[in-house]
Structures are given as C-alpha cells and as structure tokens.
Amino acid sequence: MDAPEVAASRWLAPETFRGVRAVVTGGGTGLGLEISRGLCALGADVTILSRNPDNHAALLEEAGARDWQAEARALDVREPDAVHALAREIVAEKGGIDVLVNNAAGNFVCPAERMSANAWRAVLGIVLDGSFYCSRSFGRHMIQAGGGRILNVVATYAWTGMAGVAHSASAKAGVLALTRTLAAEWAPHGIRVNAIAPGPFESEGARGNLWPDEATRGAVAAGIPLGRFGSADEVAAQCLWTLSPASAWMTGACLVLDGGASLARPFWEPGTRVRREREQA
C-alpha cells in the first residue's frame, strides 16, 4: 500500500526541491514539521534543528519509512556560538546550504504588566535573536555560494498588535524588519529573504497556549471572515511555494495567510442593508 500523500507538497512538481539542502529550525513539531515533510517529499535533503531531541522522532521515523533524506541536530538558537559552530559543521558535511527556514518560536498569553523579564527575554531570544543568529551564520555560506533562500515565520499581530502577546508581537515585528533589511542587503548575492504571517491555524502549541478552551476557540474563530481555522499543511504549502522557483522574483515580501482575520472589522453586517436616518424618517 502506498504511503499517504504529504498534503502540503501536492501543489508543486514532485522534484521541485531535488538536490536542495535545507535547514528548518523548530522543524520537528507543528508548522515546522509540515514544512520539513513537504520539503522532504519534494526531494530536499532536510536538517531539522530544535532544543529537544524528543521532537526529532516524528520526522526521522517517517523519513526512514519513506526513504527521505533527513537528519536532526539539537540546538538552542539563542546561543550564537553554538549556532555558528553547527552551521559550519552542517555546511561542511552537506557542501552548502540552499534553504533556511526560521520557524523556531515560543509564545503564551500573558498581560504585559504581569510579564516577567525572563518571559520577555525567552521569547525575544528564540524568535528574534535566533532568527538573526541563524540567518547570519547560514547566510555567510549562502553569500560565498552565490545564492540561497531564507523564509521567516512571523505573525499578523507583528503590525496589528494583539493583547496578551507583547513579547511575541515585538519579536515578530523585529523579524519582519530583519526580513526586509536582509532582502535589500543580500539581494546582490542572489539570496531571497521572505516572510509568511499565518493567522490562527490548528496546532498543538497554539491550542494549548492561545485558545486552550472552547469559549476562547469560538471567539477566535468568530473573528475569521472565511469562517474556520487554517491547517498546518495549508500554511506549509504556501511556505513551500515561497521557497520554490515559482517565486524566484519575490524577495522582501510578507505573505499573509489568515483567512482574512487581520482585515478591518466592518461597520455593518455583510448581507444586510444599511439604513440611513433619512430613510427611516
């Protein structure tokens, strides 16, 4: 019996990433796992990075069963020396790196007035510092090689703001600025740098940290014009497209994928007639 299709990969040609060497931070769980699976299914040689080796098992087991090229390394992206050393090691073993996905993140809801310095620093460290350290270390090798692709995972509240996530919103806003800056700076080296901003989508991490009960989940869903949460494979599919040759002329962009959740709320209920005072007189 054939293995089930990798949903995120079904929109691109089967050999889209054949010969591509990719690194995905936080690549063993949630969105990172779906991106890693999609890259593998389309022919890439994928290395996933995360602090907890337990998070590597799902991809490595599937890779073994499907004969994918995949491996995993333990790394805390907040440690610049460790990032630098591992980047050199991976590049030496693979002969280069073509794709970097900065997906590692941390988030939880906490009112700003109650947020500890450690909580603030932990999220900023993983999201903003980690994205810079990885981009700098792997980007150096891409510059030497004459090209590469970097994708940063941000969030729409990086520019809209959202109560309860001051740490994450600030970090993601920094990553968005980093995306545009590196896109401008590294374009002459043939390096494309883009971002994707997912809205609410189904994942264990989001369910536990952002909408942990049905009431909260319902309130979040009610604010999505398309009427539903997204799925990790839907978001991953757009990540794959952004990294593929189909988007070869795109850099410095941020693709919003949120079912319309970040759009302005209407003054009236769509589908109803707006009655003015003159009409009512």
C-alpha atoms as a PDB file:
ATOM      1  CA  MET A   1       0.000   0.000   0.000  1.00  0.00           C
ATOM      2  CA  ASP A   2       1.344   3.433  -0.938  1.00  0.00           C
ATOM      3  CA  ALA A   3       2.098   5.880   1.876  1.00  0.00           C
ATOM      4  CA  PRO A   4      -0.472   8.668   2.214  1.00  0.00           C
ATOM      5  CA  GLU A   5       0.213  11.871   0.322  1.00  0.00           C
ATOM      6  CA  VAL A   6       2.012  14.731   2.076  1.00  0.00           C
ATOM      7  CA  ALA A   7      -0.741  17.326   1.755  1.00  0.00           C
ATOM      8  CA  ALA A   8       1.480  20.415   1.744  1.00  0.00           C
ATOM      9  CA  SER A   9       3.508  19.127  -1.203  1.00  0.00           C
ATOM     10  CA  ARG A  10       0.705  18.243  -3.607  1.00  0.00           C
ATOM     11  CA  TRP A  11       0.643  21.625  -5.369  1.00  0.00           C
ATOM     12  CA  LEU A  12       4.233  21.511  -6.652  1.00  0.00           C
ATOM     13  CA  ALA A  13       6.057  19.184  -9.037  1.00  0.00           C
ATOM     14  CA  PRO A  14       7.499  16.090  -7.295  1.00  0.00           C
ATOM     15  CA  GLU A  15      11.131  17.055  -7.983  1.00  0.00           C
ATOM     16  CA  THR A  16      10.793  20.758  -7.068  1.00  0.00           C
ATOM     17  CA  PHE A  17      13.462  20.625  -4.343  1.00  0.00           C
ATOM     18  CA  ARG A  18      15.601  17.756  -5.681  1.00  0.00           C
ATOM     19  CA  GLY A  19      19.219  18.406  -4.653  1.00  0.00           C
ATOM     20  CA  VAL A  20      18.272  21.297  -2.355  1.00  0.00           C
ATOM     21  CA  ARG A  21      19.886  21.295   1.100  1.00  0.00           C
ATOM     22  CA  ALA A  22      17.517  22.780   3.673  1.00  0.00           C
ATOM     23  CA  VAL A  23      17.634  23.657   7.377  1.00  0.00           C
ATOM     24  CA  VAL A  24      14.407  24.151   9.352  1.00  0.00           C
ATOM     25  CA  THR A  25      14.541  25.437  12.925  1.00  0.00           C
ATOM     26  CA  GLY A  26      11.786  24.055  15.117  1.00  0.00           C
ATOM     27  CA  GLY A  27      11.356  21.562  12.294  1.00  0.00           C
ATOM     28  CA  GLY A  28      10.132  18.617  14.319  1.00  0.00           C
ATOM     29  CA  THR A  29       6.729  19.849  15.511  1.00  0.00           C
ATOM     30  CA  GLY A  30       3.751  21.893  14.340  1.00  0.00           C
ATOM     31  CA  LEU A  31       4.224  24.069  11.273  1.00  0.00           C
ATOM     32  CA  GLY A  32       7.950  23.315  11.175  1.00  0.00           C
ATOM     33  CA  LEU A  33       7.233  19.612  10.866  1.00  0.00           C
ATOM     34  CA  GLU A  34       4.811  20.135   7.980  1.00  0.00           C
ATOM     35  CA  ILE A  35       7.340  22.356   6.170  1.00  0.00           C
ATOM     36  CA  SER A  36      10.053  19.736   6.720  1.00  0.00           C
ATOM     37  CA  ARG A  37       7.784  16.926   5.486  1.00  0.00           C
ATOM     38  CA  GLY A  38       6.871  18.918   2.392  1.00  0.00           C
ATOM     39  CA  LEU A  39      10.493  19.696   1.562  1.00  0.00           C
ATOM     40  CA  CYS A  40      11.465  16.044   2.026  1.00  0.00           C
ATOM     41  CA  ALA A  41       8.573  14.814  -0.108  1.00  0.00           C
ATOM     42  CA  LEU A  42       9.670  17.136  -2.923  1.00  0.00           C
ATOM     43  CA  GLY A  43      13.239  15.878  -2.893  1.00  0.00           C
ATOM     44  CA  ALA A  44      15.138  18.106  -0.456  1.00  0.00           C
ATOM     45  CA  ASP A  45      17.851  16.982   1.954  1.00  0.00           C
ATOM     46  CA  VAL A  46      16.448  18.381   5.219  1.00  0.00           C
ATOM     47  CA  THR A  47      18.123  19.028   8.567  1.00  0.00           C
ATOM     48  CA  ILE A  48      15.806  19.943  11.429  1.00  0.00           C
ATOM     49  CA  LEU A  49      17.047  21.831  14.483  1.00  0.00           C
ATOM     50  CA  SER A  50      15.426  22.060  17.906  1.00  0.00           C
ATOM     51  CA  ARG A  51      16.455  22.133  21.551  1.00  0.00           C
ATOM     52  CA  ASN A  52      14.659  18.942  22.485  1.00  0.00           C
ATOM     53  CA  PRO A  53      15.809  15.783  20.663  1.00  0.00           C
ATOM     54  CA  ASP A  54      12.463  14.165  21.515  1.00  0.00           C
ATOM     55  CA  ASN A  55      10.928  16.450  18.900  1.00  0.00           C
ATOM     56  CA  HIS A  56      13.029  14.857  16.161  1.00  0.00           C
ATOM     57  CA  ALA A  57      11.448  11.417  16.276  1.00  0.00           C
ATOM     58  CA  ALA A  58       8.350  12.004  14.123  1.00  0.00           C
ATOM     59  CA  LEU A  59      10.209  13.271  11.069  1.00  0.00           C
ATOM     60  CA  LEU A  60      13.102  10.830  11.355  1.00  0.00           C
ATOM     61  CA  GLU A  61      10.770   7.834  11.628  1.00  0.00           C
ATOM     62  CA  GLU A  62       8.732   8.958   8.630  1.00  0.00           C
ATOM     63  CA  ALA A  63      11.884   9.742   6.666  1.00  0.00           C
ATOM     64  CA  GLY A  64      13.140   6.227   7.297  1.00  0.00           C
ATOM     65  CA  ALA A  65       9.862   4.706   6.160  1.00  0.00           C
ATOM     66  CA  ARG A  66       9.638   6.845   3.015  1.00  0.00           C
ATOM     67  CA  ASP A  67      13.345   6.845   2.135  1.00  0.00           C
ATOM     68  CA  TRP A  68      13.608  10.619   2.539  1.00  0.00           C
ATOM     69  CA  GLN A  69      16.872  12.461   3.140  1.00  0.00           C
ATOM     70  CA  ALA A  70      16.522  13.910   6.635  1.00  0.00           C
ATOM     71  CA  GLU A  71      18.514  14.298   9.819  1.00  0.00           C
ATOM     72  CA  ALA A  72      18.219  16.229  13.068  1.00  0.00           C
ATOM     73  CA  ARG A  73      20.510  18.173  15.391  1.00  0.00           C
ATOM     74  CA  ALA A  74      19.934  19.545  18.865  1.00  0.00           C
ATOM     75  CA  LEU A  75      20.433  23.317  19.010  1.00  0.00           C
ATOM     76  CA  ASP A  76      19.367  26.261  21.134  1.00  0.00           C
ATOM     77  CA  VAL A  77      19.072  29.075  18.588  1.00  0.00           C
ATOM     78  CA  ARG A  78      19.569  31.639  21.378  1.00  0.00           C
ATOM     79  CA  GLU A  79      23.249  30.658  21.633  1.00  0.00           C
ATOM     80  CA  PRO A  80      25.205  32.466  18.881  1.00  0.00           C
ATOM     81  CA  ASP A  81      28.421  30.468  19.267  1.00  0.00           C
ATOM     82  CA  ALA A  82      26.523  27.176  19.091  1.00  0.00           C
ATOM     83  CA  VAL A  83      24.608  28.350  16.013  1.00  0.00           C
ATOM     84  CA  HIS A  84      27.825  29.445  14.310  1.00  0.00           C
ATOM     85  CA  ALA A  85      29.607  26.152  15.066  1.00  0.00           C
ATOM     86  CA  LEU A  86      26.711  23.976  13.926  1.00  0.00           C
ATOM     87  CA  ALA A  87      26.235  25.983  10.729  1.00  0.00           C
ATOM     88  CA  ARG A  88      29.868  25.427   9.832  1.00  0.00           C
ATOM     89  CA  GLU A  89      29.538  21.727  10.602  1.00  0.00           C
ATOM     90  CA  ILE A  90      26.376  21.247   8.530  1.00  0.00           C
ATOM     91  CA  VAL A  91      27.757  23.199   5.582  1.00  0.00           C
ATOM     92  CA  ALA A  92      30.987  21.185   5.662  1.00  0.00           C
ATOM     93  CA  GLU A  93      29.047  17.896   5.669  1.00  0.00           C
ATOM     94  CA  LYS A  94      26.479  18.885   3.038  1.00  0.00           C
ATOM     95  CA  GLY A  95      28.744  21.000   0.863  1.00  0.00           C
ATOM     96  CA  GLY A  96      26.492  24.019   1.356  1.00  0.00           C
ATOM     97  CA  ILE A  97      23.007  25.125   2.374  1.00  0.00           C
ATOM     98  CA  ASP A  98      20.389  26.402  -0.066  1.00  0.00           C
ATOM     99  CA  VAL A  99      17.337  26.977   2.154  1.00  0.00           C
ATOM    100  CA  LEU A 100      16.897  28.211   5.719  1.00  0.00           C
ATOM    101  CA  VAL A 101      13.501  28.354   7.427  1.00  0.00           C
ATOM    102  CA  ASN A 102      13.482  30.318  10.700  1.00  0.00           C
ATOM    103  CA  ASN A 103      10.462  28.756  12.365  1.00  0.00           C
ATOM    104  CA  ALA A 104      11.591  28.222  15.994  1.00  0.00           C
ATOM    105  CA  ALA A 105       9.303  30.158  18.325  1.00  0.00           C
ATOM    106  CA  GLY A 106       7.858  30.455  21.795  1.00  0.00           C
ATOM    107  CA  ASN A 107       4.576  32.058  22.775  1.00  0.00           C
ATOM    108  CA  PHE A 108       1.944  32.182  25.500  1.00  0.00           C
ATOM    109  CA  VAL A 109      -0.677  34.691  26.569  1.00  0.00           C
ATOM    110  CA  CYS A 110       0.338  36.985  29.428  1.00  0.00           C
ATOM    111  CA  PRO A 111      -0.732  40.552  30.288  1.00  0.00           C
ATOM    112  CA  ALA A 112       2.191  42.919  29.792  1.00  0.00           C
ATOM    113  CA  GLU A 113       2.014  44.245  33.352  1.00  0.00           C
ATOM    114  CA  ARG A 114       2.493  40.728  34.720  1.00  0.00           C
ATOM    115  CA  MET A 115       5.153  39.587  32.276  1.00  0.00           C
ATOM    116  CA  SER A 116       8.493  38.772  33.894  1.00  0.00           C
ATOM    117  CA  ALA A 117      11.814  39.797  32.441  1.00  0.00           C
ATOM    118  CA  ASN A 118      12.630  36.125  31.931  1.00  0.00           C
ATOM    119  CA  ALA A 119       9.436  35.530  29.970  1.00  0.00           C
ATOM    120  CA  TRP A 120      10.100  38.574  27.783  1.00  0.00           C
ATOM    121  CA  ARG A 121      13.709  37.607  27.192  1.00  0.00           C
ATOM    122  CA  ALA A 122      12.936  33.944  26.456  1.00  0.00           C
ATOM    123  CA  VAL A 123      10.543  34.733  23.603  1.00  0.00           C
ATOM    124  CA  LEU A 124      12.679  37.557  22.183  1.00  0.00           C
ATOM    125  CA  GLY A 125      15.699  35.281  22.396  1.00  0.00           C
ATOM    126  CA  ILE A 126      14.159  32.387  20.488  1.00  0.00           C
ATOM    127  CA  VAL A 127      12.260  34.369  17.877  1.00  0.00           C
ATOM    128  CA  LEU A 128      14.288  37.497  17.161  1.00  0.00           C
ATOM    129  CA  ASP A 129      17.804  36.630  18.301  1.00  0.00           C
ATOM    130  CA  GLY A 130      17.537  33.099  16.959  1.00  0.00           C
ATOM    131  CA  SER A 131      16.329  34.255  13.539  1.00  0.00           C
ATOM    132  CA  PHE A 132      19.245  36.680  13.302  1.00  0.00           C
ATOM    133  CA  TYR A 133      21.890  34.249  14.525  1.00  0.00           C
ATOM    134  CA  CYS A 134      20.756  31.530  12.107  1.00  0.00           C
ATOM    135  CA  SER A 135      20.367  33.959   9.192  1.00  0.00           C
ATOM    136  CA  ARG A 136      23.816  35.418   9.827  1.00  0.00           C
ATOM    137  CA  SER A 137      25.584  32.062  10.181  1.00  0.00           C
ATOM    138  CA  PHE A 138      23.941  30.253   7.275  1.00  0.00           C
ATOM    139  CA  GLY A 139      23.728  33.480   5.250  1.00  0.00           C
ATOM    140  CA  ARG A 140      27.515  33.805   5.252  1.00  0.00           C
ATOM    141  CA  HIS A 141      27.759  30.475   3.467  1.00  0.00           C
ATOM    142  CA  MET A 142      24.989  31.431   1.042  1.00  0.00           C
ATOM    143  CA  ILE A 143      26.892  34.608   0.205  1.00  0.00           C
ATOM    144  CA  GLN A 144      30.011  32.588  -0.556  1.00  0.00           C
ATOM    145  CA  ALA A 145      27.978  30.167  -2.675  1.00  0.00           C
ATOM    146  CA  GLY A 146      26.264  32.960  -4.623  1.00  0.00           C
ATOM    147  CA  GLY A 147      22.668  32.414  -3.577  1.00  0.00           C
ATOM    148  CA  GLY A 148      20.080  30.973  -1.251  1.00  0.00           C
ATOM    149  CA  ARG A 149      16.569  31.287   0.148  1.00  0.00           C
ATOM    150  CA  ILE A 150      15.501  32.265   3.650  1.00  0.00           C
ATOM    151  CA  LEU A 151      11.935  32.152   4.967  1.00  0.00           C
ATOM    152  CA  ASN A 152      10.976  33.682   8.314  1.00  0.00           C
ATOM    153  CA  VAL A 153       7.748  32.779  10.089  1.00  0.00           C
ATOM    154  CA  VAL A 154       6.109  35.850  11.659  1.00  0.00           C
ATOM    155  CA  ALA A 155       2.502  36.707  12.615  1.00  0.00           C
ATOM    156  CA  THR A 156      -0.043  39.326  11.602  1.00  0.00           C
ATOM    157  CA  TYR A 157      -0.010  40.815  15.093  1.00  0.00           C
ATOM    158  CA  ALA A 158       3.536  41.992  14.328  1.00  0.00           C
ATOM    159  CA  TRP A 159       1.825  45.047  12.784  1.00  0.00           C
ATOM    160  CA  THR A 160      -1.739  44.919  14.126  1.00  0.00           C
ATOM    161  CA  GLY A 161      -0.762  44.278  17.755  1.00  0.00           C
ATOM    162  CA  MET A 162      -2.769  41.955  19.983  1.00  0.00           C
ATOM    163  CA  ALA A 163      -3.461  41.969  23.693  1.00  0.00           C
ATOM    164  CA  GLY A 164      -1.547  39.407  25.718  1.00  0.00           C
ATOM    165  CA  VAL A 165       1.386  38.804  23.378  1.00  0.00           C
ATOM    166  CA  ALA A 166       3.621  41.849  23.830  1.00  0.00           C
ATOM    167  CA  HIS A 167       6.719  39.632  23.824  1.00  0.00           C
ATOM    168  CA  SER A 168       5.823  37.647  20.706  1.00  0.00           C
ATOM    169  CA  ALA A 169       4.427  40.631  18.777  1.00  0.00           C
ATOM    170  CA  SER A 170       7.587  42.636  19.455  1.00  0.00           C
ATOM    171  CA  ALA A 171       9.799  39.729  18.448  1.00  0.00           C
ATOM    172  CA  LYS A 172       7.855  39.023  15.257  1.00  0.00           C
ATOM    173  CA  ALA A 173       7.888  42.725  14.332  1.00  0.00           C
ATOM    174  CA  GLY A 174      11.659  42.622  14.672  1.00  0.00           C
ATOM    175  CA  VAL A 175      11.854  39.544  12.451  1.00  0.00           C
ATOM    176  CA  LEU A 176       9.703  41.272   9.821  1.00  0.00           C
ATOM    177  CA  ALA A 177      12.101  44.240   9.835  1.00  0.00           C
ATOM    178  CA  LEU A 178      15.012  41.814   9.642  1.00  0.00           C
ATOM    179  CA  THR A 179      13.379  40.090   6.653  1.00  0.00           C
ATOM    180  CA  ARG A 180      13.089  43.296   4.655  1.00  0.00           C
ATOM    181  CA  THR A 181      16.534  44.515   5.652  1.00  0.00           C
ATOM    182  CA  LEU A 182      18.300  41.288   4.700  1.00  0.00           C
ATOM    183  CA  ALA A 183      16.297  41.092   1.470  1.00  0.00           C
ATOM    184  CA  ALA A 184      17.651  44.502   0.476  1.00  0.00           C
ATOM    185  CA  GLU A 185      21.169  43.837   1.722  1.00  0.00           C
ATOM    186  CA  TRP A 186      21.642  40.323   0.348  1.00  0.00           C
ATOM    187  CA  ALA A 187      19.821  40.591  -2.995  1.00  0.00           C
ATOM    188  CA  PRO A 188      23.125  41.322  -4.803  1.00  0.00           C
ATOM    189  CA  HIS A 189      24.358  37.957  -3.508  1.00  0.00           C
ATOM    190  CA  GLY A 190      21.394  36.124  -5.034  1.00  0.00           C
ATOM    191  CA  ILE A 191      19.733  35.492  -1.671  1.00  0.00           C
ATOM    192  CA  ARG A 192      15.963  35.849  -1.414  1.00  0.00           C
ATOM    193  CA  VAL A 193      14.529  36.594   2.038  1.00  0.00           C
ATOM    194  CA  ASN A 194      10.773  36.476   2.627  1.00  0.00           C
ATOM    195  CA  ALA A 195       8.325  36.016   5.486  1.00  0.00           C
ATOM    196  CA  ILE A 196       4.986  34.330   5.981  1.00  0.00           C
ATOM    197  CA  ALA A 197       2.432  35.566   8.526  1.00  0.00           C
ATOM    198  CA  PRO A 198      -0.057  32.826   9.411  1.00  0.00           C
ATOM    199  CA  GLY A 199      -3.247  33.574  11.258  1.00  0.00           C
ATOM    200  CA  PRO A 200      -4.980  31.074  13.569  1.00  0.00           C
ATOM    201  CA  PHE A 201      -4.320  27.527  12.404  1.00  0.00           C
ATOM    202  CA  GLU A 202      -4.686  24.143  14.049  1.00  0.00           C
ATOM    203  CA  SER A 203      -1.636  23.065  16.050  1.00  0.00           C
ATOM    204  CA  GLU A 204      -0.982  21.582  19.467  1.00  0.00           C
ATOM    205  CA  GLY A 205       1.117  24.543  20.580  1.00  0.00           C
ATOM    206  CA  ALA A 206      -1.472  27.160  19.622  1.00  0.00           C
ATOM    207  CA  ARG A 207      -4.311  25.116  21.088  1.00  0.00           C
ATOM    208  CA  GLY A 208      -2.570  24.810  24.429  1.00  0.00           C
ATOM    209  CA  ASN A 209      -1.207  28.346  24.676  1.00  0.00           C
ATOM    210  CA  LEU A 210      -3.537  30.644  22.722  1.00  0.00           C
ATOM    211  CA  TRP A 211      -7.045  29.084  22.724  1.00  0.00           C
ATOM    212  CA  PRO A 212      -6.975  26.474  25.483  1.00  0.00           C
ATOM    213  CA  ASP A 213     -10.763  26.202  25.944  1.00  0.00           C
ATOM    214  CA  GLU A 214     -13.804  26.048  23.684  1.00  0.00           C
ATOM    215  CA  ALA A 215     -15.044  29.537  24.598  1.00  0.00           C
ATOM    216  CA  THR A 216     -11.744  31.120  23.588  1.00  0.00           C
ATOM    217  CA  ARG A 217     -11.545  28.981  20.477  1.00  0.00           C
ATOM    218  CA  GLY A 218     -15.045  30.046  19.459  1.00  0.00           C
ATOM    219  CA  ALA A 219     -14.236  33.718  19.951  1.00  0.00           C
ATOM    220  CA  VAL A 220     -11.120  33.405  17.801  1.00  0.00           C
ATOM    221  CA  ALA A 221     -12.964  31.520  15.061  1.00  0.00           C
ATOM    222  CA  ALA A 222     -15.733  34.139  15.021  1.00  0.00           C
ATOM    223  CA  GLY A 223     -13.173  36.750  14.015  1.00  0.00           C
ATOM    224  CA  ILE A 224     -12.055  34.867  10.882  1.00  0.00           C
ATOM    225  CA  PRO A 225     -14.049  36.022   7.811  1.00  0.00           C
ATOM    226  CA  LEU A 226     -13.560  32.701   5.995  1.00  0.00           C
ATOM    227  CA  GLY A 227     -15.207  31.053   8.987  1.00  0.00           C
ATOM    228  CA  ARG A 228     -12.619  28.488  10.062  1.00  0.00           C
ATOM    229  CA  PHE A 229      -9.135  27.908  11.377  1.00  0.00           C
ATOM    230  CA  GLY A 230      -6.445  27.059   8.874  1.00  0.00           C
ATOM    231  CA  SER A 231      -4.415  23.859   8.934  1.00  0.00           C
ATOM    232  CA  ALA A 232      -0.666  23.444   9.287  1.00  0.00           C
ATOM    233  CA  ASP A 233      -0.416  21.820   5.865  1.00  0.00           C
ATOM    234  CA  GLU A 234      -2.237  24.765   4.236  1.00  0.00           C
ATOM    235  CA  VAL A 235       0.305  27.163   5.731  1.00  0.00           C
ATOM    236  CA  ALA A 236       3.205  24.853   4.880  1.00  0.00           C
ATOM    237  CA  ALA A 237       2.046  24.671   1.244  1.00  0.00           C
ATOM    238  CA  GLN A 238       2.472  28.441   0.925  1.00  0.00           C
ATOM    239  CA  CYS A 239       5.882  28.226   2.606  1.00  0.00           C
ATOM    240  CA  LEU A 240       6.948  25.673   0.002  1.00  0.00           C
ATOM    241  CA  TRP A 241       5.682  27.882  -2.813  1.00  0.00           C
ATOM    242  CA  THR A 242       7.598  30.860  -1.409  1.00  0.00           C
ATOM    243  CA  LEU A 243      10.799  28.795  -1.297  1.00  0.00           C
ATOM    244  CA  SER A 244      10.280  27.287  -4.750  1.00  0.00           C
ATOM    245  CA  PRO A 245      11.444  28.575  -8.156  1.00  0.00           C
ATOM    246  CA  ALA A 246       7.847  29.750  -8.716  1.00  0.00           C
ATOM    247  CA  SER A 247       8.640  32.774  -6.529  1.00  0.00           C
ATOM    248  CA  ALA A 248      12.122  33.476  -7.922  1.00  0.00           C
ATOM    249  CA  TRP A 249      11.378  37.209  -8.334  1.00  0.00           C
ATOM    250  CA  MET A 250       9.929  37.663  -4.851  1.00  0.00           C
ATOM    251  CA  THR A 251      12.068  38.999  -2.012  1.00  0.00           C
ATOM    252  CA  GLY A 252      11.374  41.227   0.976  1.00  0.00           C
ATOM    253  CA  ALA A 253       7.719  40.171   0.902  1.00  0.00           C
ATOM    254  CA  CYS A 254       5.458  39.039   3.717  1.00  0.00           C
ATOM    255  CA  LEU A 255       2.711  36.655   2.666  1.00  0.00           C
ATOM    256  CA  VAL A 256      -0.377  36.905   4.883  1.00  0.00           C
ATOM    257  CA  LEU A 257      -2.322  33.672   5.250  1.00  0.00           C
ATOM    258  CA  ASP A 258      -5.055  34.118   7.849  1.00  0.00           C
ATOM    259  CA  GLY A 259      -8.485  33.609   6.316  1.00  0.00           C
ATOM    260  CA  GLY A 260      -8.972  37.378   6.424  1.00  0.00           C
ATOM    261  CA  ALA A 261      -8.597  37.577  10.220  1.00  0.00           C
ATOM    262  CA  SER A 262      -6.352  40.662  10.079  1.00  0.00           C
ATOM    263  CA  LEU A 263      -8.749  42.638   7.867  1.00  0.00           C
ATOM    264  CA  ALA A 264     -10.563  45.597   9.376  1.00  0.00           C
ATOM    265  CA  ARG A 265     -13.892  44.757  11.009  1.00  0.00           C
ATOM    266  CA  PRO A 266     -16.941  46.133   9.131  1.00  0.00           C
ATOM    267  CA  PHE A 267     -19.223  48.882  10.460  1.00  0.00           C
ATOM    268  CA  TRP A 268     -22.192  46.828   9.278  1.00  0.00           C
ATOM    269  CA  GLU A 269     -23.109  43.173   8.924  1.00  0.00           C
ATOM    270  CA  PRO A 270     -22.329  41.986   5.365  1.00  0.00           C
ATOM    271  CA  GLY A 271     -25.506  40.899   3.600  1.00  0.00           C
ATOM    272  CA  THR A 272     -27.767  43.356   5.429  1.00  0.00           C
ATOM    273  CA  ARG A 273     -28.998  46.718   4.199  1.00  0.00           C
ATOM    274  CA  VAL A 274     -27.586  49.869   5.779  1.00  0.00           C
ATOM    275  CA  ARG A 275     -30.487  52.208   6.611  1.00  0.00           C
ATOM    276  CA  ARG A 276     -29.666  55.877   6.983  1.00  0.00           C
ATOM    277  CA  GLU A 277     -31.587  58.291   9.231  1.00  0.00           C
ATOM    278  CA  ARG A 278     -33.217  59.968   6.195  1.00  0.00           C
ATOM    279  CA  GLU A 279     -34.615  56.619   5.038  1.00  0.00           C
ATOM    280  CA  GLN A 280     -36.010  55.858   8.479  1.00  0.00           C
ATOM    281  CA  ALA A 281     -37.835  59.211   8.834  1.00  0.00           C
END
